[in-house]
Amino acid sequence: MFADAELMGIPHRLVLGERGLDKGEIEYKGRCDKKAQYVPLDSVIEFIEDKLQA
């Protein structure tokens, strides 16, 4: 599924998984990023807005 998204050129990926939600965070990975970042749920909107503005 993630490989298909990369082939299609989708620039941002957000993963909401059970473990991450238990920790209060989501996984973010940009298409050009080598590693995923874990973002606290309470700051996801601001984080994504910043990424989209860049």
PDB file of N, CA and C in Angstrom:
ATOM      1  N   MET A   1       0.822  -1.186   0.000  1.00  0.00           N
ATOM      2  CA  MET A   1       0.000   0.000   0.000  1.00  0.00           C
ATOM      3  C   MET A   1       0.870   1.254   0.000  1.00  0.00           C
ATOM      4  N   PHE A   2       1.893   1.314   0.869  1.00  0.00           N
ATOM      5  CA  PHE A   2       2.745   2.504   0.923  1.00  0.00           C
ATOM      6  C   PHE A   2       3.592   2.623  -0.336  1.00  0.00           C
ATOM      7  N   ALA A   3       4.020   1.491  -0.891  1.00  0.00           N
ATOM      8  CA  ALA A   3       4.804   1.532  -2.123  1.00  0.00           C
ATOM      9  C   ALA A   3       3.966   2.107  -3.263  1.00  0.00           C
ATOM     10  N   ASP A   4       2.691   1.751  -3.315  1.00  0.00           N
ATOM     11  CA  ASP A   4       1.805   2.302  -4.345  1.00  0.00           C
ATOM     12  C   ASP A   4       1.683   3.811  -4.206  1.00  0.00           C
ATOM     13  N   ALA A   5       1.571   4.292  -2.982  1.00  0.00           N
ATOM     14  CA  ALA A   5       1.471   5.733  -2.748  1.00  0.00           C
ATOM     15  C   ALA A   5       2.731   6.440  -3.242  1.00  0.00           C
ATOM     16  N   GLU A   6       3.883   5.837  -3.008  1.00  0.00           N
ATOM     17  CA  GLU A   6       5.132   6.447  -3.481  1.00  0.00           C
ATOM     18  C   GLU A   6       5.204   6.446  -5.001  1.00  0.00           C
ATOM     19  N   LEU A   7       4.770   5.359  -5.633  1.00  0.00           N
ATOM     20  CA  LEU A   7       4.773   5.298  -7.092  1.00  0.00           C
ATOM     21  C   LEU A   7       3.829   6.332  -7.700  1.00  0.00           C
ATOM     22  N   MET A   8       2.734   6.607  -7.019  1.00  0.00           N
ATOM     23  CA  MET A   8       1.767   7.594  -7.497  1.00  0.00           C
ATOM     24  C   MET A   8       2.239   9.019  -7.239  1.00  0.00           C
ATOM     25  N   GLY A   9       3.274   9.180  -6.415  1.00  0.00           N
ATOM     26  CA  GLY A   9       3.822  10.503  -6.147  1.00  0.00           C
ATOM     27  C   GLY A   9       3.127  11.262  -5.038  1.00  0.00           C
ATOM     28  N   ILE A  10       2.445  10.566  -4.156  1.00  0.00           N
ATOM     29  CA  ILE A  10       1.781  11.232  -3.037  1.00  0.00           C
ATOM     30  C   ILE A  10       2.861  11.778  -2.104  1.00  0.00           C
ATOM     31  N   PRO A  11       2.873  13.094  -1.854  1.00  0.00           N
ATOM     32  CA  PRO A  11       3.996  13.710  -1.139  1.00  0.00           C
ATOM     33  C   PRO A  11       3.994  13.561   0.378  1.00  0.00           C
ATOM     34  N   HIS A  12       2.839  13.302   0.980  1.00  0.00           N
ATOM     35  CA  HIS A  12       2.759  13.230   2.441  1.00  0.00           C
ATOM     36  C   HIS A  12       1.992  11.973   2.845  1.00  0.00           C
ATOM     37  N   ARG A  13       2.496  11.311   3.880  1.00  0.00           N
ATOM     38  CA  ARG A  13       1.817  10.111   4.385  1.00  0.00           C
ATOM     39  C   ARG A  13       1.616  10.242   5.886  1.00  0.00           C
ATOM     40  N   LEU A  14       0.382  10.087   6.318  1.00  0.00           N
ATOM     41  CA  LEU A  14       0.044  10.075   7.735  1.00  0.00           C
ATOM     42  C   LEU A  14      -0.471   8.687   8.079  1.00  0.00           C
ATOM     43  N   VAL A  15       0.082   8.109   9.129  1.00  0.00           N
ATOM     44  CA  VAL A  15      -0.341   6.778   9.552  1.00  0.00           C
ATOM     45  C   VAL A  15      -0.894   6.875  10.962  1.00  0.00           C
ATOM     46  N   LEU A  16      -2.132   6.466  11.109  1.00  0.00           N
ATOM     47  CA  LEU A  16      -2.765   6.409  12.424  1.00  0.00           C
ATOM     48  C   LEU A  16      -2.890   4.939  12.788  1.00  0.00           C
ATOM     49  N   GLY A  17      -2.015   4.490  13.649  1.00  0.00           N
ATOM     50  CA  GLY A  17      -2.019   3.101  14.078  1.00  0.00           C
ATOM     51  C   GLY A  17      -2.394   2.985  15.541  1.00  0.00           C
ATOM     52  N   GLU A  18      -2.746   1.790  15.923  1.00  0.00           N
ATOM     53  CA  GLU A  18      -3.173   1.563  17.304  1.00  0.00           C
ATOM     54  C   GLU A  18      -2.077   1.924  18.301  1.00  0.00           C
ATOM     55  N   ARG A  19      -0.843   1.487  18.030  1.00  0.00           N
ATOM     56  CA  ARG A  19       0.256   1.797  18.958  1.00  0.00           C
ATOM     57  C   ARG A  19       0.525   3.292  19.046  1.00  0.00           C
ATOM     58  N   GLY A  20       0.535   3.951  17.899  1.00  0.00           N
ATOM     59  CA  GLY A  20       0.768   5.386  17.899  1.00  0.00           C
ATOM     60  C   GLY A  20      -0.323   6.144  18.627  1.00  0.00           C
ATOM     61  N   LEU A  21      -1.559   5.754  18.390  1.00  0.00           N
ATOM     62  CA  LEU A  21      -2.667   6.427  19.070  1.00  0.00           C
ATOM     63  C   LEU A  21      -2.624   6.183  20.571  1.00  0.00           C
ATOM     64  N   ASP A  22      -2.196   4.988  20.971  1.00  0.00           N
ATOM     65  CA  ASP A  22      -2.030   4.723  22.405  1.00  0.00           C
ATOM     66  C   ASP A  22      -0.987   5.658  23.017  1.00  0.00           C
ATOM     67  N   LYS A  23       0.026   6.019  22.211  1.00  0.00           N
ATOM     68  CA  LYS A  23       1.077   6.936  22.676  1.00  0.00           C
ATOM     69  C   LYS A  23       0.687   8.402  22.470  1.00  0.00           C
ATOM     70  N   GLY A  24      -0.435   8.639  21.791  1.00  0.00           N
ATOM     71  CA  GLY A  24      -0.876  10.008  21.536  1.00  0.00           C
ATOM     72  C   GLY A  24      -0.146  10.671  20.390  1.00  0.00           C
ATOM     73  N   GLU A  25       0.218   9.884  19.361  1.00  0.00           N
ATOM     74  CA  GLU A  25       0.959  10.449  18.240  1.00  0.00           C
ATOM     75  C   GLU A  25       0.575   9.765  16.936  1.00  0.00           C
ATOM     76  N   ILE A  26       0.910  10.426  15.831  1.00  0.00           N
ATOM     77  CA  ILE A  26       0.752   9.826  14.520  1.00  0.00           C
ATOM     78  C   ILE A  26       2.116   9.784  13.840  1.00  0.00           C
ATOM     79  N   GLU A  27       2.218   8.948  12.841  1.00  0.00           N
ATOM     80  CA  GLU A  27       3.458   8.845  12.067  1.00  0.00           C
ATOM     81  C   GLU A  27       3.301   9.679  10.800  1.00  0.00           C
ATOM     82  N   TYR A  28       4.300  10.506  10.517  1.00  0.00           N
ATOM     83  CA  TYR A  28       4.329  11.309   9.305  1.00  0.00           C
ATOM     84  C   TYR A  28       5.590  10.960   8.532  1.00  0.00           C
ATOM     85  N   LYS A  29       5.435  10.813   7.211  1.00  0.00           N
ATOM     86  CA  LYS A  29       6.616  10.618   6.372  1.00  0.00           C
ATOM     87  C   LYS A  29       6.388  11.360   5.072  1.00  0.00           C
ATOM     88  N   GLY A  30       7.299  12.253   4.786  1.00  0.00           N
ATOM     89  CA  GLY A  30       7.277  12.950   3.506  1.00  0.00           C
ATOM     90  C   GLY A  30       7.926  12.073   2.448  1.00  0.00           C
ATOM     91  N   ARG A  31       7.574  12.288   1.218  1.00  0.00           N
ATOM     92  CA  ARG A  31       8.088  11.447   0.137  1.00  0.00           C
ATOM     93  C   ARG A  31       9.612  11.504   0.025  1.00  0.00           C
ATOM     94  N   CYS A  32      10.201  12.633   0.342  1.00  0.00           N
ATOM     95  CA  CYS A  32      11.652  12.784   0.246  1.00  0.00           C
ATOM     96  C   CYS A  32      12.375  12.467   1.555  1.00  0.00           C
ATOM     97  N   ASP A  33      11.629  12.209   2.615  1.00  0.00           N
ATOM     98  CA  ASP A  33      12.237  11.923   3.916  1.00  0.00           C
ATOM     99  C   ASP A  33      12.720  10.480   3.980  1.00  0.00           C
ATOM    100  N   LYS A  34      13.852  10.288   4.643  1.00  0.00           N
ATOM    101  CA  LYS A  34      14.361   8.929   4.815  1.00  0.00           C
ATOM    102  C   LYS A  34      13.702   8.221   5.991  1.00  0.00           C
ATOM    103  N   LYS A  35      13.387   8.983   7.032  1.00  0.00           N
ATOM    104  CA  LYS A  35      12.784   8.398   8.230  1.00  0.00           C
ATOM    105  C   LYS A  35      11.458   9.074   8.543  1.00  0.00           C
ATOM    106  N   ALA A  36      10.596   8.314   9.184  1.00  0.00           N
ATOM    107  CA  ALA A  36       9.311   8.857   9.619  1.00  0.00           C
ATOM    108  C   ALA A  36       9.508   9.709  10.866  1.00  0.00           C
ATOM    109  N   GLN A  37       8.606  10.651  11.054  1.00  0.00           N
ATOM    110  CA  GLN A  37       8.579  11.483  12.257  1.00  0.00           C
ATOM    111  C   GLN A  37       7.304  11.141  13.013  1.00  0.00           C
ATOM    112  N   TYR A  38       7.368  11.236  14.324  1.00  0.00           N
ATOM    113  CA  TYR A  38       6.196  10.976  15.149  1.00  0.00           C
ATOM    114  C   TYR A  38       5.741  12.301  15.735  1.00  0.00           C
ATOM    115  N   VAL A  39       4.496  12.642  15.456  1.00  0.00           N
ATOM    116  CA  VAL A  39       3.953  13.952  15.792  1.00  0.00           C
ATOM    117  C   VAL A  39       2.857  13.793  16.843  1.00  0.00           C
ATOM    118  N   PRO A  40       2.919  14.564  17.930  1.00  0.00           N
ATOM    119  CA  PRO A  40       1.856  14.501  18.939  1.00  0.00           C
ATOM    120  C   PRO A  40       0.506  14.891  18.327  1.00  0.00           C
ATOM    121  N   LEU A  41      -0.537  14.196  18.744  1.00  0.00           N
ATOM    122  CA  LEU A  41      -1.870  14.451  18.197  1.00  0.00           C
ATOM    123  C   LEU A  41      -2.311  15.899  18.354  1.00  0.00           C
ATOM    124  N   ASP A  42      -1.942  16.530  19.446  1.00  0.00           N
ATOM    125  CA  ASP A  42      -2.411  17.896  19.681  1.00  0.00           C
ATOM    126  C   ASP A  42      -1.712  18.943  18.817  1.00  0.00           C
ATOM    127  N   SER A  43      -0.697  18.551  18.058  1.00  0.00           N
ATOM    128  CA  SER A  43      -0.029  19.517  17.179  1.00  0.00           C
ATOM    129  C   SER A  43       0.003  19.068  15.716  1.00  0.00           C
ATOM    130  N   VAL A  44      -0.809  18.089  15.364  1.00  0.00           N
ATOM    131  CA  VAL A  44      -0.813  17.562  13.995  1.00  0.00           C
ATOM    132  C   VAL A  44      -1.239  18.626  12.985  1.00  0.00           C
ATOM    133  N   ILE A  45      -2.283  19.372  13.286  1.00  0.00           N
ATOM    134  CA  ILE A  45      -2.793  20.366  12.332  1.00  0.00           C
ATOM    135  C   ILE A  45      -1.717  21.400  12.004  1.00  0.00           C
ATOM    136  N   GLU A  46      -1.077  21.940  13.008  1.00  0.00           N
ATOM    137  CA  GLU A  46      -0.030  22.939  12.780  1.00  0.00           C
ATOM    138  C   GLU A  46       1.151  22.329  12.023  1.00  0.00           C
ATOM    139  N   PHE A  47       1.515  21.108  12.365  1.00  0.00           N
ATOM    140  CA  PHE A  47       2.624  20.423  11.703  1.00  0.00           C
ATOM    141  C   PHE A  47       2.342  20.270  10.207  1.00  0.00           C
ATOM    142  N   ILE A  48       1.153  19.797   9.871  1.00  0.00           N
ATOM    143  CA  ILE A  48       0.804  19.585   8.467  1.00  0.00           C
ATOM    144  C   ILE A  48       0.697  20.918   7.730  1.00  0.00           C
ATOM    145  N   GLU A  49       0.132  21.929   8.366  1.00  0.00           N
ATOM    146  CA  GLU A  49       0.066  23.251   7.730  1.00  0.00           C
ATOM    147  C   GLU A  49       1.462  23.756   7.405  1.00  0.00           C
ATOM    148  N   ASP A  50       2.406  23.578   8.318  1.00  0.00           N
ATOM    149  CA  ASP A  50       3.788  23.992   8.066  1.00  0.00           C
ATOM    150  C   ASP A  50       4.387  23.217   6.898  1.00  0.00           C
ATOM    151  N   LYS A  51       4.136  21.918   6.849  1.00  0.00           N
ATOM    152  CA  LYS A  51       4.670  21.094   5.755  1.00  0.00           C
ATOM    153  C   LYS A  51       4.079  21.512   4.413  1.00  0.00           C
ATOM    154  N   LEU A  52       2.796  21.829   4.394  1.00  0.00           N
ATOM    155  CA  LEU A  52       2.151  22.220   3.144  1.00  0.00           C
ATOM    156  C   LEU A  52       2.598  23.599   2.672  1.00  0.00           C
ATOM    157  N   GLN A  53       2.997  24.468   3.590  1.00  0.00           N
ATOM    158  CA  GLN A  53       3.475  25.806   3.239  1.00  0.00           C
ATOM    159  C   GLN A  53       4.909  25.779   2.715  1.00  0.00           C
ATOM    160  N   ALA A  54       5.671  24.761   3.083  1.00  0.00           N
ATOM    161  CA  ALA A  54       7.093  24.686   2.716  1.00  0.00           C
ATOM    162  C   ALA A  54       7.290  24.421   1.243  1.00  0.00           C
TER     163      ALA A  54
END
